[in-house]
Protein backbone atom coordinates (compact mmCIF):
# COMPACT_ATOMS: atom_id res chain seq x y z
CA UNK A 1 -0.01 -0.01 0.03
CA UNK A 2 0.94 3.63 -0.56
CA UNK A 3 -0.44 6.72 1.25
CA UNK A 4 0.00 10.42 0.77
CA UNK A 5 -1.82 13.61 1.51
CA UNK A 6 -4.66 12.71 -0.83
CA UNK A 7 -5.52 9.14 0.24
CA UNK A 8 -4.10 5.59 -0.05
CA UNK A 9 -4.08 2.71 -2.47
CA UNK A 10 -3.70 -0.87 -1.23
CA UNK A 11 -3.69 -4.20 -2.83
CA UNK A 12 -2.70 -7.62 -1.26
CA UNK A 13 -1.53 -8.75 -4.63
CA UNK A 14 0.70 -5.64 -5.00
CA UNK A 15 0.21 -2.32 -6.69
CA UNK A 16 0.97 -1.97 -10.35
CA UNK A 17 4.46 -0.58 -10.83
CA UNK A 18 3.51 0.83 -14.31
CA UNK A 19 0.65 2.75 -12.74
CA UNK A 20 2.76 4.07 -9.89
CA UNK A 21 5.40 5.22 -12.45
CA UNK A 22 2.68 6.99 -14.37
CA UNK A 23 1.76 8.90 -11.25
CA UNK A 24 5.39 9.76 -10.47
CA UNK A 25 6.14 10.88 -14.12
CA UNK A 26 3.08 13.04 -14.16
CA UNK A 27 3.47 14.49 -10.67
CA UNK A 28 0.08 13.03 -9.58
CA UNK A 29 -0.92 12.04 -6.06
CA UNK A 30 -2.12 8.51 -5.08
CA UNK A 31 -5.75 9.50 -5.40
CA UNK A 32 -5.31 9.50 -9.12
CA UNK A 33 -4.46 5.76 -9.13
CA UNK A 34 -6.46 3.99 -11.80
CA UNK A 35 -8.82 1.72 -9.87
CA UNK A 36 -8.98 -0.62 -12.87
CA UNK A 37 -5.36 -1.51 -12.18
CA UNK A 38 -6.21 -2.88 -8.66
CA UNK A 39 -6.67 -6.52 -7.97
CA UNK A 40 -9.91 -8.14 -6.80
CA UNK A 41 -9.09 -7.26 -3.11
CA UNK A 42 -7.52 -3.89 -3.89
CA UNK A 43 -8.96 -0.58 -2.76
CA UNK A 44 -8.46 3.17 -3.25
CA UNK A 45 -9.42 5.64 -0.60
CA UNK A 46 -9.55 9.39 -0.86
CA UNK A 47 -9.57 11.87 1.94
CA UNK A 48 -12.67 13.68 0.62
CA UNK A 49 -14.70 11.53 3.04
CA UNK A 50 -14.50 10.27 6.64
CA UNK A 51 -13.91 6.66 5.61
CA UNK A 52 -11.02 7.71 3.34
CA UNK A 53 -9.44 9.74 6.09
CA UNK A 54 -9.61 6.89 8.54
CA UNK A 55 -8.21 4.43 5.98
CA UNK A 56 -5.32 6.68 5.08
CA UNK A 57 -4.40 7.46 8.61
CA UNK A 58 -4.44 3.81 9.78
CA UNK A 59 -2.92 2.17 6.63
CA UNK A 60 0.48 1.74 8.28
CA UNK A 61 -1.11 -0.28 11.06
CA UNK A 62 -3.55 -2.38 8.92
CA UNK A 63 -1.47 -3.33 5.86
CA UNK A 64 0.79 -6.43 6.24
CA UNK A 65 3.99 -5.95 4.31
CA UNK A 66 7.67 -6.89 4.28
CA UNK A 67 8.64 -3.44 5.15
CA UNK A 68 7.04 -0.15 6.13
CA UNK A 69 8.75 3.06 4.80
CA UNK A 70 7.40 6.27 6.35
CA UNK A 71 8.67 8.99 3.92
CA UNK A 72 6.56 11.90 5.21
CA UNK A 73 3.76 12.44 7.74
CA UNK A 74 3.55 14.00 11.14
CA UNK A 75 6.39 13.58 13.70
CA UNK A 76 5.59 11.14 16.43
CA UNK A 77 2.84 9.43 14.49
CA UNK A 78 3.82 6.13 16.24
CA UNK A 79 4.42 6.86 19.91
CA UNK A 80 4.42 5.19 23.35
CA UNK A 81 0.59 5.44 23.53
CA UNK A 82 -0.28 3.87 20.19
CA UNK A 83 2.60 1.70 19.04
CA UNK A 84 0.57 -1.39 19.93
CA UNK A 85 -1.78 -0.63 16.96
CA UNK A 86 1.22 -1.57 14.77
CA UNK A 87 0.95 -5.16 16.29
CA UNK A 88 -1.48 -7.86 15.19
CA UNK A 89 -3.66 -9.74 17.60
CA UNK A 90 -0.96 -12.46 17.99
CA UNK A 91 1.58 -9.72 19.03
CA UNK A 92 3.52 -9.93 15.68
CA UNK A 93 4.11 -6.67 13.74
CA UNK A 94 2.24 -5.78 10.57
CA UNK A 95 5.69 -5.16 9.17
CA UNK A 96 8.83 -6.69 10.59
CA UNK A 97 11.00 -3.88 9.12
CA UNK A 98 10.61 -0.09 9.40
CA UNK A 99 12.91 2.14 7.35
CA UNK A 100 12.37 5.74 8.52
CA UNK A 101 12.57 7.83 5.31
CA UNK A 102 10.98 10.64 7.37
CA UNK A 103 12.42 12.20 10.47
CA UNK A 104 10.83 11.47 13.82
CA UNK A 105 7.88 9.45 12.43
CA UNK A 106 8.37 6.92 15.30
CA UNK A 107 9.43 8.22 18.78
CA UNK A 108 12.47 6.77 20.49
CA UNK A 109 10.28 5.13 23.18
CA UNK A 110 8.02 3.53 20.57
CA UNK A 111 11.11 2.23 18.62
CA UNK A 112 12.43 0.49 21.72
CA UNK A 113 8.94 -1.03 22.60
CA UNK A 114 8.48 -2.38 19.07
CA UNK A 115 11.94 -3.92 19.17
CA UNK A 116 11.59 -5.32 22.71
CA UNK A 117 8.04 -6.72 22.31
CA UNK A 118 7.82 -7.68 18.68
CA UNK A 119 11.40 -7.75 17.43
CA UNK A 120 10.74 -5.02 14.87
CA UNK A 121 13.94 -4.09 13.01
CA UNK A 122 14.05 -0.32 12.65
CA UNK A 123 16.49 1.58 10.52
CA UNK A 124 16.49 4.91 12.22
CA UNK A 125 15.99 8.24 10.32
CA UNK A 126 19.66 9.33 10.94
CA UNK A 127 20.77 6.25 8.96
CA UNK A 128 17.90 5.89 6.53
CA UNK A 129 17.68 9.42 5.11
CA UNK A 130 21.23 10.72 5.11
CA UNK A 131 20.83 10.96 1.41
CA UNK A 132 18.77 14.08 1.81
CA UNK A 133 21.57 15.89 3.69
CA UNK A 134 24.21 14.77 1.24
CA UNK A 135 22.05 15.94 -1.74
CA UNK A 136 21.61 19.34 -0.09
CA UNK A 137 25.38 19.66 0.23
CA UNK A 138 25.82 18.95 -3.49
CA UNK A 139 23.22 21.53 -4.23
CA UNK A 140 25.10 24.14 -2.26
CA UNK A 141 28.38 23.16 -4.03
CA UNK A 142 26.82 23.30 -7.48
CA UNK A 143 25.28 26.72 -6.77
CA UNK A 144 28.69 28.03 -5.66
CA UNK A 145 30.80 26.47 -8.33
CA UNK A 146 28.62 26.54 -11.44
CA UNK A 147 26.88 29.17 -13.33
CA UNK A 148 23.10 28.66 -13.97
CA UNK A 149 23.83 27.89 -17.61
CA UNK A 150 26.53 25.35 -16.71
CA UNK A 151 24.22 23.60 -14.35
CA UNK A 152 21.25 23.21 -16.71
CA UNK A 153 23.58 22.14 -19.56
CA UNK A 154 24.92 19.34 -17.36
CA UNK A 155 21.94 18.66 -15.08
CA UNK A 156 21.13 15.18 -16.34
CA UNK A 157 24.65 13.96 -15.89
CA UNK A 158 25.08 15.45 -12.51
CA UNK A 159 21.77 14.06 -11.16
CA UNK A 160 22.70 10.56 -12.43
CA UNK A 161 26.10 10.85 -10.68
CA UNK A 162 24.48 12.08 -7.56
CA UNK A 163 22.15 9.11 -7.43
CA UNK A 164 24.97 6.74 -8.03
CA UNK A 165 26.90 8.24 -5.11
CA UNK A 166 23.82 8.08 -2.86
CA UNK A 167 23.45 4.36 -3.60
CA UNK A 168 27.10 3.89 -2.72
CA UNK A 169 26.80 5.87 0.58
CA UNK A 170 23.57 4.04 1.50
CA UNK A 171 25.27 0.71 1.06
CA UNK A 172 28.19 1.70 3.27
CA UNK A 173 25.83 2.97 5.93
CA UNK A 174 23.75 -0.24 5.82
CA UNK A 175 26.73 -2.56 5.88
CA UNK A 176 28.32 -0.76 8.86
CA UNK A 177 24.94 -0.53 10.63
CA UNK A 178 24.08 -4.25 10.38
CA UNK A 179 27.67 -5.32 10.99
CA UNK A 180 27.88 -3.41 14.26
CA UNK A 181 24.40 -4.55 15.25
CA UNK A 182 25.44 -8.15 15.01
CA UNK A 183 28.39 -7.51 17.29
CA UNK A 184 26.86 -5.06 19.71
CA UNK A 185 24.13 -5.24 22.37
CA UNK A 186 20.98 -3.15 21.88
CA UNK A 187 18.62 -2.21 19.15
CA UNK A 188 19.34 -1.02 15.64
CA UNK A 189 18.37 2.58 16.36
CA UNK A 190 20.91 2.64 19.20
CA UNK A 191 23.69 1.46 16.88
CA UNK A 192 22.51 4.17 14.35
CA UNK A 193 22.99 6.82 17.05
CA UNK A 194 26.44 5.49 17.83
CA UNK A 195 27.50 5.67 14.14
CA UNK A 196 26.21 9.21 13.74
CA UNK A 197 27.78 10.24 16.99
CA UNK A 198 31.02 8.79 16.04
CA UNK A 199 31.07 10.49 12.65
CA UNK A 200 30.28 13.79 14.23
CA UNK A 201 32.94 13.36 16.94
CA UNK A 202 35.58 12.54 14.34
CA UNK A 203 34.55 15.32 12.04
CA UNK A 204 34.82 17.91 14.91
CA UNK A 205 38.23 16.58 15.98
CA UNK A 206 39.52 16.53 12.32
CA UNK A 207 38.19 19.96 11.64
CA UNK A 208 40.09 21.46 14.58
CA UNK A 209 43.22 19.49 13.67
CA UNK A 210 43.16 20.74 9.96
CA UNK A 211 43.78 24.14 11.19
CA UNK A 212 47.25 22.95 12.46
CA UNK A 213 48.24 21.32 9.21
CA UNK A 214 50.68 22.87 6.74
CA UNK A 215 49.37 24.25 3.48
CA UNK A 216 51.05 21.30 1.71
CA UNK A 217 49.26 18.79 3.89
CA UNK A 218 45.87 20.42 3.34
CA UNK A 219 46.59 20.45 -0.46
CA UNK A 220 47.26 16.78 -0.30
CA UNK A 221 43.75 16.28 1.02
CA UNK A 222 41.97 18.16 -1.72
CA UNK A 223 41.66 15.13 -4.07
CA UNK A 224 39.51 13.59 -1.28
CA UNK A 225 37.09 16.41 -1.60
CA UNK A 226 37.26 16.27 -5.38
CA UNK A 227 36.41 12.51 -5.36
CA UNK A 228 33.43 13.16 -3.12
CA UNK A 229 31.85 15.45 -5.68
CA UNK A 230 29.85 14.34 -8.69
CA UNK A 231 32.41 13.84 -11.47
CA UNK A 232 30.85 16.22 -13.94
CA UNK A 233 30.64 19.00 -11.29
CA UNK A 234 34.28 18.43 -10.37
CA UNK A 235 35.51 18.25 -14.03
CA UNK A 236 33.84 21.53 -14.92
CA UNK A 237 34.68 23.65 -11.83
CA UNK A 238 37.15 22.17 -9.37
CA UNK A 239 39.93 24.43 -10.65
CA UNK A 240 37.97 27.45 -9.41
CA UNK A 241 36.99 26.03 -6.00
CA UNK A 242 39.23 28.30 -3.94
CA UNK A 243 37.79 31.41 -5.76
CA UNK A 244 34.17 30.46 -5.23
CA UNK A 245 33.97 28.24 -2.14
CA UNK A 246 34.77 29.63 1.36
CA UNK A 247 37.88 28.01 2.94
CA UNK A 248 35.89 27.16 6.09
CA UNK A 249 33.39 25.20 3.87
CA UNK A 250 36.24 23.38 2.23
CA UNK A 251 37.81 22.53 5.55
CA UNK A 252 34.58 21.22 7.04
CA UNK A 253 33.93 19.09 3.80
CA UNK A 254 37.40 17.58 4.03
CA UNK A 255 36.87 16.74 7.73
CA UNK A 256 33.47 15.21 7.04
CA UNK A 257 34.86 13.12 4.09
CA UNK A 258 37.77 11.94 6.17
CA UNK A 259 35.63 11.15 9.23
CA UNK A 260 33.13 9.15 7.20
CA UNK A 261 35.83 7.22 5.33
CA UNK A 262 37.48 6.15 8.56
CA UNK A 263 34.28 5.20 10.38
CA UNK A 264 32.87 3.26 7.44
CA UNK A 265 36.04 1.39 6.84
CA UNK A 266 37.23 0.71 10.34
CA UNK A 267 34.08 0.93 12.47
CA UNK A 268 33.05 2.96 15.48
CA UNK A 269 35.03 1.02 18.04
CA UNK A 270 38.30 1.80 16.28
CA UNK A 271 37.61 5.54 16.20
CA UNK A 272 36.41 5.54 19.89
CA UNK A 273 39.62 3.81 20.89
CA UNK A 274 41.81 6.63 19.45
CA UNK A 275 42.72 9.82 21.36
CA UNK A 276 41.08 12.79 19.68
CA UNK A 277 44.39 14.54 19.18
CA UNK A 278 45.65 11.56 17.19
CA UNK A 279 42.75 11.32 14.73
CA UNK A 280 44.20 13.79 12.21
CA UNK A 281 47.55 12.03 12.10
CA UNK A 282 45.81 8.72 11.69
CA UNK A 283 43.65 10.00 8.95
CA UNK A 284 46.58 11.52 7.03
CA UNK A 285 48.49 8.22 7.34
CA UNK A 286 45.40 6.32 6.18
CA UNK A 287 45.12 8.43 3.02
CA UNK A 288 48.81 8.00 2.44
CA UNK A 289 48.60 4.26 2.67
CA UNK A 290 45.59 4.18 0.42
CA UNK A 291 47.68 6.03 -2.26
CA UNK A 292 50.45 3.56 -1.94
CA UNK A 293 48.11 0.62 -2.34
CA UNK A 294 46.42 2.26 -5.36
CA UNK A 295 49.83 2.76 -6.94
CA UNK A 296 50.73 -0.93 -6.78
């Protein structure tokens, strides 16, 4: 089933992908779903009547599915007072997996209850929707580094490259998340918080340490920032980066790239075991060794 502001469409046999793509390509809401494309047990509800409003608002509790992906809606929709509505009469969940595409849809207390009582695996918002933050950073870079004409001439290539990078980042996040979950006590959201906190801690430490690096050492880190950008964006404009992008932004971007690389490659426990004042030196040595391996 799928719900949005206009209603919801649901079908035990599955919704037609072709029909859903028609809605997406024409920027239409779910209320425009062609009812003839529904199966015998399918239904379409619109919010222009009380029944439709109730059906839309309760769909995430009623529909049994492999995964539930809240990608919008009100914060705290599932909370400590109503989380049991997500469970069936036998105590099992309507969906064994929740991937929080929207921030704060499930409260922290409700996440823990669903995990403790029904074993619901929840990929927390801070892990599930990092792509939005990353995309925003690319938008800012493009606005600073490209002219409007350059952007629109290369928009299709840049968007394709951004999507490819987002898939790669999502895979790294998921692999680390589930790897550390298997080796750590607690729920998946708890592990997600640890990962985000570790990346933030490492970023802050590296950002402070970068101020102490020589100009040559900081130049040696610029290829890391270049590789982070969509290739077309970098190819067109990286030679003008120091003219158009504030040095503080560049420094923060390098620190974030380095911190993420270390955490995703080595894990949170490795970063936590290092003194903060040593992180910059470790990161530089890490990049140096990577270059040596690549040159083999």
